[in-house]
Protein backbone atom coordinates (compact mmCIF):
# COMPACT_ATOMS: atom_id res chain seq x y z
CA MET A 1 -3.44 34.90 -13.81
CA LYS A 2 -0.29 33.82 -16.02
CA LEU A 3 -0.97 32.03 -19.54
CA ARG A 4 1.11 29.55 -21.51
CA LYS A 5 0.50 28.52 -24.88
CA VAL A 6 1.12 24.11 -25.19
CA GLY A 7 0.38 21.85 -28.00
CA ASN A 8 0.09 18.22 -26.10
CA ARG A 9 -1.60 15.26 -27.62
CA PHE A 10 -4.94 14.78 -25.17
CA GLY A 11 -7.34 11.81 -26.83
CA ARG A 12 -7.65 12.31 -30.48
CA GLY A 13 -7.47 15.92 -30.17
CA LEU A 14 -5.16 18.93 -29.24
CA VAL A 15 -4.47 20.84 -26.08
CA SER A 16 -4.31 24.06 -27.88
CA LEU A 17 -4.42 26.59 -24.66
CA LEU A 18 -3.56 25.33 -21.05
CA VAL A 19 -4.73 28.07 -18.25
CA VAL A 20 -3.13 28.13 -15.10
CA ALA A 21 -4.92 29.83 -11.98
CA CYS A 22 -2.39 30.82 -9.07
CA LEU A 23 -3.08 31.45 -6.08
CA ALA A 24 -1.30 32.98 -3.18
CA PHE A 25 -2.49 30.77 -0.13
CA GLY A 26 -2.52 32.54 3.45
CA ALA A 27 0.32 34.30 5.38
CA GLU A 28 2.66 31.50 6.16
CA ALA A 29 3.87 31.62 2.39
CA SER A 30 5.92 34.25 1.39
CA GLY A 31 7.67 35.08 -2.03
CA VAL A 32 6.26 33.84 -5.57
CA THR A 33 3.49 31.92 -5.93
CA ASN A 34 2.68 29.49 -8.65
CA VAL A 35 1.17 26.44 -9.87
CA THR A 36 2.51 25.78 -13.94
CA ILE A 37 0.78 23.19 -15.90
CA ASN A 38 3.87 22.15 -18.35
CA SER A 39 1.48 19.17 -19.81
CA VAL A 40 -1.40 17.46 -19.71
CA SER A 41 -1.30 13.96 -22.18
CA GLN A 42 -3.65 11.05 -22.71
CA ARG A 43 -2.01 7.79 -23.16
CA TRP A 44 -1.51 6.23 -26.55
CA PRO A 45 -3.40 4.13 -27.42
CA TRP A 46 -6.16 5.78 -26.61
CA ASN A 47 -7.51 4.80 -23.06
CA ASN A 48 -8.97 7.13 -20.41
CA LYS A 49 -5.80 7.48 -18.61
CA VAL A 50 -4.48 11.11 -18.36
CA ASP A 51 -0.42 12.68 -17.04
CA ILE A 52 -0.67 16.04 -15.61
CA SER A 53 2.66 17.39 -15.64
CA TYR A 54 2.74 20.97 -13.31
CA SER A 55 5.69 22.76 -11.10
CA VAL A 56 4.40 24.48 -8.21
CA GLU A 57 6.64 27.51 -6.89
CA GLY A 58 6.20 28.56 -3.03
CA GLY A 59 4.22 25.66 -2.18
CA GLN A 60 3.93 23.37 0.44
CA THR A 61 7.06 22.66 3.48
CA ARG A 62 6.17 20.38 5.37
CA ALA A 63 9.28 20.39 7.54
CA ALA A 64 7.84 24.37 8.04
CA GLY A 65 4.12 23.14 8.77
CA VAL A 66 3.00 24.36 5.44
CA TYR A 67 0.69 21.89 4.08
CA CYS A 68 -0.98 23.05 1.10
CA GLY A 69 -3.93 21.51 -1.80
CA LEU A 70 -4.36 21.63 -5.51
CA ARG A 71 -7.55 21.51 -7.40
CA PHE A 72 -7.57 20.65 -11.08
CA THR A 73 -10.33 22.15 -13.80
CA LEU A 74 -9.91 20.78 -16.77
CA THR A 75 -12.54 22.07 -19.55
CA ALA A 76 -13.35 19.60 -23.02
CA GLY A 77 -16.13 21.72 -25.32
CA ASP A 78 -18.99 21.77 -23.39
CA LYS A 79 -18.14 19.83 -20.38
CA THR A 80 -16.01 20.79 -17.49
CA TYR A 81 -14.36 18.78 -14.93
CA ASP A 82 -13.57 19.04 -11.25
CA ILE A 83 -10.53 17.80 -10.36
CA PRO A 84 -9.69 17.72 -6.40
CA GLY A 85 -5.61 16.73 -5.95
CA TYR A 86 -6.26 14.62 -2.92
CA SER A 87 -8.33 12.15 -5.18
CA ILE A 88 -5.44 11.76 -7.33
CA GLY A 89 -2.55 11.90 -4.91
CA ALA A 90 -1.62 15.24 -6.26
CA SER A 91 1.67 17.17 -4.59
CA ALA A 92 1.74 20.54 -3.59
CA GLU A 93 5.79 20.20 -2.70
CA ASN A 94 7.52 23.01 -4.96
CA GLY A 95 9.19 21.47 -8.07
CA ASP A 96 8.01 19.43 -10.29
CA HIS A 97 5.52 16.70 -10.97
CA THR A 98 3.59 14.10 -12.85
CA VAL A 99 -0.10 12.78 -11.44
CA THR A 100 -2.36 10.48 -13.55
CA TRP A 101 -6.25 11.28 -13.58
CA THR A 102 -8.46 8.26 -14.84
CA ALA A 103 -11.23 10.56 -17.07
CA PRO A 104 -14.67 9.72 -17.84
CA LYS A 105 -14.23 7.68 -21.27
CA GLY A 106 -15.73 9.62 -24.11
CA ILE A 107 -13.18 12.93 -23.87
CA VAL A 108 -11.20 13.40 -27.40
CA ALA A 109 -12.10 17.41 -27.40
CA ALA A 110 -9.92 19.08 -30.20
CA ASP A 111 -9.98 21.93 -27.52
CA CYS A 112 -9.25 21.84 -23.73
CA SER A 113 -8.21 24.12 -21.40
CA MET A 114 -6.97 23.76 -17.68
CA THR A 115 -7.07 25.59 -14.53
CA ALA A 116 -4.79 24.71 -11.17
CA THR A 117 -5.74 26.34 -7.53
CA LEU A 118 -2.92 26.35 -5.26
CA PHE A 119 -4.61 26.59 -1.15
CA THR A 120 -3.88 25.61 2.20
CA THR A 121 -4.98 22.57 4.16
CA ASN A 122 -4.41 20.89 7.45
CA VAL A 123 -3.30 17.76 5.97
CA PRO A 124 0.21 17.68 3.25
CA SER A 125 -1.19 16.67 0.44
CA GLY A 126 0.38 13.77 -1.77
CA ASN A 127 0.37 10.32 -2.29
CA ASP A 128 2.04 8.84 0.58
CA TYR A 129 -1.03 7.51 2.16
CA MET A 130 -3.90 5.98 0.27
CA ILE A 131 -7.30 6.02 2.31
CA ILE A 132 -9.83 3.44 1.50
CA ASN A 133 -13.77 4.48 2.36
CA LEU A 134 -15.31 0.83 3.68
CA ASN A 135 -19.05 2.75 3.38
CA THR A 136 -18.69 4.65 0.11
CA GLY A 137 -15.58 3.22 -1.84
CA ASP A 138 -14.07 6.58 -2.02
CA VAL A 139 -10.32 6.45 -2.12
CA VAL A 140 -7.76 9.55 -1.72
CA PHE A 141 -4.38 10.28 -1.22
CA GLU A 142 -2.65 12.31 1.99
CA GLY A 143 1.13 12.88 2.18
CA ALA A 144 3.13 12.31 4.86
CA TYR A 145 3.86 14.40 7.68
CA ALA A 146 7.22 15.63 8.77
CA THR A 147 8.24 12.63 10.50
CA GLN A 148 7.31 9.10 10.67
CA ASP A 149 6.54 9.61 13.65
CA GLU A 150 3.79 12.35 13.09
CA SER A 151 2.23 9.98 10.66
CA ASN A 152 2.22 6.98 12.92
CA SER A 153 0.11 9.02 15.01
CA ARG A 154 -2.46 10.35 12.69
CA TYR A 155 -2.96 6.94 11.02
CA ASN A 156 -3.00 4.92 14.24
CA VAL A 157 -6.76 5.15 15.62
CA ASP A 158 -9.77 3.82 15.24
CA THR A 159 -11.28 5.08 12.52
CA TYR A 160 -8.67 3.73 9.86
CA LYS A 161 -9.22 -0.03 11.92
CA GLU A 162 -13.31 0.31 11.29
CA TYR A 163 -14.75 1.61 8.66
CA SER A 164 -11.90 3.36 6.52
CA MET A 165 -8.18 1.26 5.71
CA VAL A 166 -4.79 2.98 5.01
CA LEU A 167 -2.27 1.71 2.97
CA ARG A 168 1.21 3.18 3.23
CA LYS A 169 3.49 3.49 -0.15
CA VAL A 170 6.64 1.71 -0.60
CA PRO A 171 8.18 4.07 -3.61
CA LYS A 172 10.18 2.92 -6.47
CA TRP A 173 13.96 2.59 -5.42
CA ALA A 174 14.87 5.50 -7.27
CA ASP A 175 12.80 7.63 -4.56
CA LYS A 176 14.68 5.56 -1.51
CA GLY A 177 15.35 8.57 0.02
CA VAL A 178 11.73 10.01 1.09
CA LEU A 179 11.82 6.80 3.43
CA PRO A 180 13.59 7.02 6.34
CA ASN A 181 16.14 4.05 6.80
CA ALA A 182 15.83 3.31 3.02
CA GLU A 183 19.03 3.41 1.88
CA PHE A 184 19.07 -0.25 1.03
CA LEU A 185 15.65 -0.36 -0.74
CA SER A 186 17.21 -0.50 -3.97
CA SER A 187 20.18 -2.96 -3.11
CA TYR A 188 18.32 -5.35 -1.29
CA ASN A 189 19.23 -8.14 0.35
CA GLY A 190 17.80 -11.76 0.44
CA TYR A 191 19.49 -13.85 2.44
CA ARG A 192 18.29 -15.96 5.03
CA THR A 193 19.67 -15.60 8.35
CA GLY A 194 20.12 -18.40 10.03
CA GLY A 195 20.93 -17.13 13.57
CA ALA A 196 24.49 -17.25 15.45
CA ASP A 197 27.19 -19.45 16.01
CA SER A 198 28.37 -19.99 19.66
CA ASP A 199 30.91 -16.70 19.08
CA GLY A 200 27.65 -14.80 18.48
CA ASN A 201 28.40 -14.61 15.35
CA ILE A 202 26.08 -14.55 12.17
CA PHE A 203 25.43 -17.15 9.44
CA TYR A 204 23.56 -17.34 6.45
CA SER A 205 22.23 -20.26 5.32
CA SER A 206 22.50 -20.81 1.54
CA SER A 207 20.16 -23.47 1.45
CA LYS A 208 17.12 -21.53 0.90
CA ASN A 209 17.30 -17.70 -0.57
CA SER A 210 20.78 -17.03 -1.95
CA ALA A 211 21.52 -12.85 -1.93
CA HIS A 212 19.66 -11.05 -4.53
CA TYR A 213 18.78 -7.46 -4.87
CA TRP A 214 15.87 -6.11 -5.76
CA ALA A 215 15.88 -2.76 -7.22
CA THR A 216 12.36 -2.52 -7.70
CA GLY A 217 11.24 0.27 -10.44
CA ARG A 218 7.41 0.57 -9.47
CA ASP A 219 5.39 1.73 -6.79
CA TYR A 220 3.29 -0.04 -4.80
CA TYR A 221 0.72 0.24 -1.49
CA LEU A 222 0.23 -1.72 1.83
CA GLY A 223 -2.22 -2.20 4.31
CA VAL A 224 -0.66 -0.07 7.50
CA PHE A 225 -2.77 -2.75 9.34
CA PRO A 226 -3.81 -5.96 8.41
CA VAL A 227 -7.26 -6.00 8.15
CA THR A 228 -9.21 -6.07 11.45
CA GLN A 229 -12.71 -7.81 11.71
CA ARG A 230 -14.58 -5.05 11.63
CA GLN A 231 -13.22 -4.42 7.88
CA TYR A 232 -13.34 -7.60 6.64
CA ARG A 233 -17.33 -7.92 8.12
CA THR A 234 -18.09 -4.54 6.52
CA ILE A 235 -16.82 -5.42 2.99
CA GLY A 236 -18.95 -8.96 4.16
CA ALA A 237 -17.28 -12.06 1.83
CA ASP A 238 -20.02 -13.55 3.26
CA ALA A 239 -22.54 -11.91 4.20
CA GLY A 240 -20.47 -10.61 6.48
CA ASN A 241 -19.24 -13.29 8.40
CA ASN A 242 -16.28 -12.79 10.74
CA PRO A 243 -14.69 -16.51 10.30
CA SER A 244 -12.33 -15.25 13.26
CA GLU A 245 -11.79 -17.07 16.42
CA ARG A 246 -10.57 -14.73 18.62
CA THR A 247 -13.59 -12.62 18.58
CA ASP A 248 -13.90 -12.94 22.78
CA PRO A 249 -13.80 -9.35 24.77
CA VAL A 250 -10.88 -8.87 26.55
CA THR A 251 -10.01 -5.59 28.42
CA GLY A 252 -8.75 -2.69 26.18
CA ASN A 253 -8.64 -4.77 22.98
CA ASN A 254 -10.96 -4.95 21.12
CA ALA A 255 -12.68 -7.44 19.24
CA ASN A 256 -13.46 -5.27 16.07
CA PHE A 257 -9.89 -4.24 16.09
CA ARG A 258 -7.83 -7.32 16.38
CA PRO A 259 -6.79 -9.04 13.06
CA VAL A 260 -8.83 -11.20 10.97
CA GLU A 261 -8.27 -14.51 10.97
CA LYS A 262 -9.66 -18.41 9.51
CA MET A 263 -10.27 -16.90 7.11
CA THR A 264 -8.96 -19.23 3.02
CA TRP A 265 -6.65 -18.08 0.46
CA TYR A 266 -9.79 -18.94 -1.80
CA GLU A 267 -12.18 -17.11 0.13
CA LEU A 268 -10.04 -14.03 -0.64
CA ARG A 269 -9.12 -14.37 -3.91
CA ARG A 270 -10.93 -17.42 -6.08
CA PRO A 271 -13.71 -16.17 -7.84
CA THR A 272 -17.10 -17.96 -6.67
CA GLY A 273 -17.57 -21.32 -9.09
CA VAL A 274 -14.05 -21.57 -9.92
CA THR A 275 -13.53 -25.30 -8.36
CA ASP A 276 -9.81 -25.46 -9.62
CA ASP A 277 -6.83 -24.22 -7.99
CA PHE A 278 -6.44 -21.04 -9.55
CA ALA A 279 -3.38 -19.58 -9.83
CA SER A 280 -1.36 -17.20 -8.04
CA THR A 281 -0.59 -15.50 -11.35
CA SER A 282 -4.52 -15.27 -12.43
CA PRO A 283 -6.19 -11.74 -12.02
CA ILE A 284 -8.90 -11.62 -9.96
CA PRO A 285 -11.96 -11.00 -12.23
CA LYS A 286 -13.98 -8.04 -11.54
CA VAL A 287 -17.90 -8.28 -10.60
CA THR A 288 -20.65 -5.65 -11.39
CA SER A 289 -22.66 -6.25 -8.30
CA MET A 290 -21.29 -6.80 -4.16
CA THR A 291 -20.28 -10.12 -4.58
CA GLY A 292 -17.76 -13.24 -4.74
CA THR A 293 -14.51 -13.02 -3.05
CA PHE A 294 -12.89 -10.51 -0.29
CA PHE A 295 -11.01 -8.87 -2.90
CA GLN A 296 -13.97 -8.69 -5.36
CA ARG A 297 -15.94 -7.04 -3.59
CA LEU A 298 -12.97 -4.67 -2.31
CA ASN A 299 -12.58 -3.69 -6.03
CA PHE A 300 -16.24 -3.08 -6.96
CA LEU A 301 -16.49 -0.98 -4.01
CA THR A 302 -14.03 1.44 -4.98
CA GLY A 303 -15.11 0.83 -9.24
CA ASN A 304 -13.16 -1.73 -10.34
CA THR A 305 -10.12 1.20 -10.76
CA PHE A 306 -7.45 -0.37 -8.52
CA GLY A 307 -6.87 -3.82 -8.75
CA PHE A 308 -6.58 -4.45 -4.74
CA ASP A 309 -4.89 -7.64 -4.33
CA LEU A 310 -2.58 -9.95 -1.66
CA PRO A 311 1.19 -8.91 -1.55
CA THR A 312 3.97 -10.95 -3.41
CA GLU A 313 6.28 -12.43 -0.81
CA VAL A 314 8.62 -9.87 -1.62
CA MET A 315 6.42 -7.43 -1.64
CA LEU A 316 5.82 -7.70 1.84
CA GLU A 317 9.56 -8.48 2.93
CA ILE A 318 10.61 -5.19 1.22
CA ALA A 319 8.48 -3.70 4.02
CA GLU A 320 8.63 -5.82 6.70
CA ARG A 321 12.57 -4.92 6.74
CA ALA A 322 11.99 -1.02 6.10
CA GLY A 323 15.31 -1.10 4.76
CA SER A 324 17.02 -2.83 7.45
CA THR A 325 19.41 -5.86 6.29
CA THR A 326 19.21 -7.58 10.06
CA ILE A 327 17.74 -11.11 11.11
CA TYR A 328 15.09 -9.30 12.41
CA PHE A 329 13.81 -5.45 11.24
CA TRP A 330 14.44 -4.52 14.58
CA GLY A 331 17.63 -6.02 14.87
CA ASP A 332 19.80 -8.64 15.37
CA THR A 333 18.43 -10.08 18.63
CA ALA A 334 15.49 -12.02 18.97
CA SER A 335 14.36 -10.48 22.51
CA ASP A 336 14.18 -6.81 21.30
CA GLY A 337 11.39 -7.30 19.58
CA GLU A 338 9.07 -7.14 22.38
CA PRO A 339 8.07 -3.91 22.25
CA TYR A 340 6.90 -4.43 18.05
CA ALA A 341 5.84 -8.16 18.15
CA ALA A 342 2.51 -9.56 19.50
CA CYS A 343 4.20 -13.52 20.40
CA ALA A 344 3.51 -15.58 23.01
CA THR A 345 5.90 -14.18 24.85
CA THR A 346 3.79 -10.78 25.57
CA LEU A 347 0.46 -12.29 25.33
CA ASN A 348 -1.53 -14.39 27.09
CA LYS A 349 -2.42 -16.80 24.17
CA ASN A 350 -3.93 -13.98 22.11
CA THR A 351 -4.48 -11.60 19.17
CA MET A 352 -4.57 -8.29 20.07
CA ALA A 353 -5.86 -5.52 18.26
CA VAL A 354 -3.83 -3.82 15.77
CA GLY A 355 -1.70 -0.58 16.24
CA HIS A 356 -1.23 -2.10 19.86
CA PHE A 357 2.52 -2.61 19.37
CA LEU A 358 5.28 -0.51 17.72
CA PRO A 359 5.70 0.14 13.91
CA ASN A 360 8.67 -0.76 12.13
CA ALA A 361 10.90 1.81 10.71
CA TRP A 362 8.28 3.22 7.64
CA GLY A 363 4.80 2.92 9.77
CA PHE A 364 4.31 -0.50 9.08
CA TYR A 365 2.10 -1.55 12.25
CA ASP A 366 1.92 -5.47 13.00
CA ILE A 367 4.43 -6.22 9.90
CA ASP A 368 5.87 -8.99 11.83
CA GLY A 369 3.65 -10.58 14.85
CA ASN A 370 -0.17 -10.86 15.54
CA VAL A 371 -0.73 -12.59 12.84
CA ALA A 372 1.34 -13.73 9.76
CA CYS A 373 -0.04 -12.89 6.65
CA TRP A 374 -0.77 -14.45 3.09
CA CYS A 375 0.86 -13.96 0.37
CA ARG A 376 -0.50 -14.07 -3.22
CA ASP A 377 2.55 -16.36 -4.32
CA SER A 378 2.52 -20.51 -4.40
CA THR A 379 4.89 -22.67 -2.89
CA GLY A 380 7.73 -24.31 -4.80
CA LEU A 381 10.10 -21.94 -5.67
CA ALA A 382 12.62 -22.73 -3.28
CA ASN A 383 14.70 -19.88 -4.15
CA LEU A 384 13.29 -16.51 -3.80
CA ALA A 385 16.26 -15.24 -5.70
CA ASP A 386 14.71 -17.15 -8.42
CA ALA A 387 11.73 -15.30 -8.77
CA PRO A 388 10.79 -12.64 -12.27
CA ASP A 389 10.82 -9.68 -10.12
CA ALA A 390 9.39 -8.29 -6.59
CA PHE A 391 5.79 -7.69 -8.61
CA THR A 392 5.06 -11.19 -9.97
CA PRO A 393 3.66 -13.68 -7.95
CA THR A 394 5.34 -17.06 -8.52
CA TRP A 395 3.32 -19.70 -9.61
CA VAL A 396 4.97 -23.68 -9.38
CA SER A 397 1.60 -25.16 -10.33
CA THR A 398 2.92 -28.77 -9.06
CA ALA A 399 3.00 -26.69 -5.70
CA THR A 400 -0.42 -27.38 -3.29
CA LYS A 401 0.53 -24.74 -0.69
CA ARG A 402 0.28 -20.55 -0.80
CA ARG A 403 3.08 -18.52 0.75
CA HIS A 404 2.66 -16.85 3.96
CA ARG A 405 5.21 -14.81 6.35
CA GLY A 406 5.53 -13.55 9.68
CA GLY A 407 5.70 -14.86 13.04
CA ASN A 408 2.71 -14.41 14.80
CA TRP A 409 0.79 -14.59 18.65
CA THR A 410 1.64 -18.46 18.70
CA ASN A 411 5.19 -18.30 18.28
CA GLY A 412 7.92 -17.07 20.60
CA LEU A 413 10.79 -14.47 20.36
CA SER A 414 12.90 -17.56 20.17
CA SER A 415 11.45 -19.49 16.77
CA SER A 416 12.40 -18.78 13.32
CA PRO A 417 9.22 -17.12 12.19
CA TRP A 418 10.23 -13.76 13.28
CA ARG A 419 13.15 -13.81 10.78
CA SER A 420 12.47 -10.91 7.44
CA SER A 421 13.60 -13.34 5.48
CA PHE A 422 11.39 -17.00 6.72
CA ARG A 423 9.16 -18.28 4.21
CA ASN A 424 6.46 -20.79 4.92
CA GLY A 425 2.94 -21.90 3.64
CA ALA A 426 -0.16 -23.48 4.24
CA GLU A 427 -2.62 -25.04 1.97
CA PRO A 428 -4.98 -22.61 0.15
CA GLY A 429 -8.28 -24.12 1.46
CA SER A 430 -6.97 -24.00 5.58
CA ARG A 431 -7.61 -21.84 7.70
CA SER A 432 -6.30 -20.79 11.08
CA ASN A 433 -6.41 -18.70 13.95
CA ALA A 434 -2.59 -17.23 13.20
CA LEU A 435 -3.05 -16.18 9.48
CA GLY A 436 -4.11 -12.89 8.55
CA PHE A 437 -3.99 -11.02 5.64
CA ARG A 438 -2.73 -7.73 4.09
CA VAL A 439 -4.39 -5.26 1.39
CA ALA A 440 -1.92 -4.52 -1.19
CA TYR A 441 -1.90 -2.21 -5.14
CA ILE A 442 0.34 -1.82 -7.10
CA PRO A 443 -0.30 1.32 -9.69
CA GLU A 444 -0.84 1.18 -13.35
């Protein structure tokens, strides 16, 4: 047991003593094994967000197959709080870390102590993936494996297409090195590619999107898959109603795992009883029961803590490109997309169970193809480079449509919607059997 005395602001009191517990965790680990709590501070002006800064030595080494987890215990006055690391995305990788815990209201104790325990696990710790249990509302975090292919194999299973939902973190540009093929994430190219001339030279059109570089200063999460019909029915924005048209059983193509389609933008995020256009910049109001739109119900189910919503079109395009600056996320040749895209040239006029085709470099499946996806933004902004930032949805009050992005099962690969920079829109009350959506989350 190792003690370290620290003075830090916690609520309106002072953290006078932080106790650090260090536990050796198995034969795989060698040398010194330590977890050191560096600081515990409550955000000011006072709220229930508590930042825990800590250092790990001799911990998780994913490349060597050594996976570790953390458990924190906070004692405040006569109360003790158990904080599993997987519930807040704590990483047991060697080095310095900061993680945020949403504390119960009323913690203003003047004398607090904290312990941290390191132990072996079967799944890497960290916050690369966010898992939502659609039955209980529990949300946990998991780390990526040493390779993207290993993580893809873990999550491309029925569990995460039915009663659980998995989101992948796209790190802020400063942390771009943790993703494969991410060298362009901090200098994101917003050109709309026009195609190629008769000599095969790629040209760019300046009539829609001029060159722009998005330096994303925040992490965000996006669904690994489009929302499936089973997931939509489980949340049940309309008593379990499934609006989809493509529900017929097809051999080897479970309808439960096919993307939900034909839901309107309004049904996803406009509050019940609101009859105006409902701005894309308007936050979705919280509800106090399992009622309202899809996102109101999902947010209530998960404790109204995360603020799940549709992604902006910039968020969706960054995730689709996965660091690429080519015409399509897979390259500059349309036909090379057949292994990645559920499209008219690979399907018999139908959607396909999500995850059937190959993912992009960051592990997003059907990121282009199967169904296009609703975005939070309105149309009306002709040049995407004029958007305020990657995370603020554009809103033009005179625009009647909402954005959606991506090719879909009705498009042949030679058509323009497969371009990573392609933009489209539809009336927010309209339905299409080629239009679905993904869930997004931007941490505070």
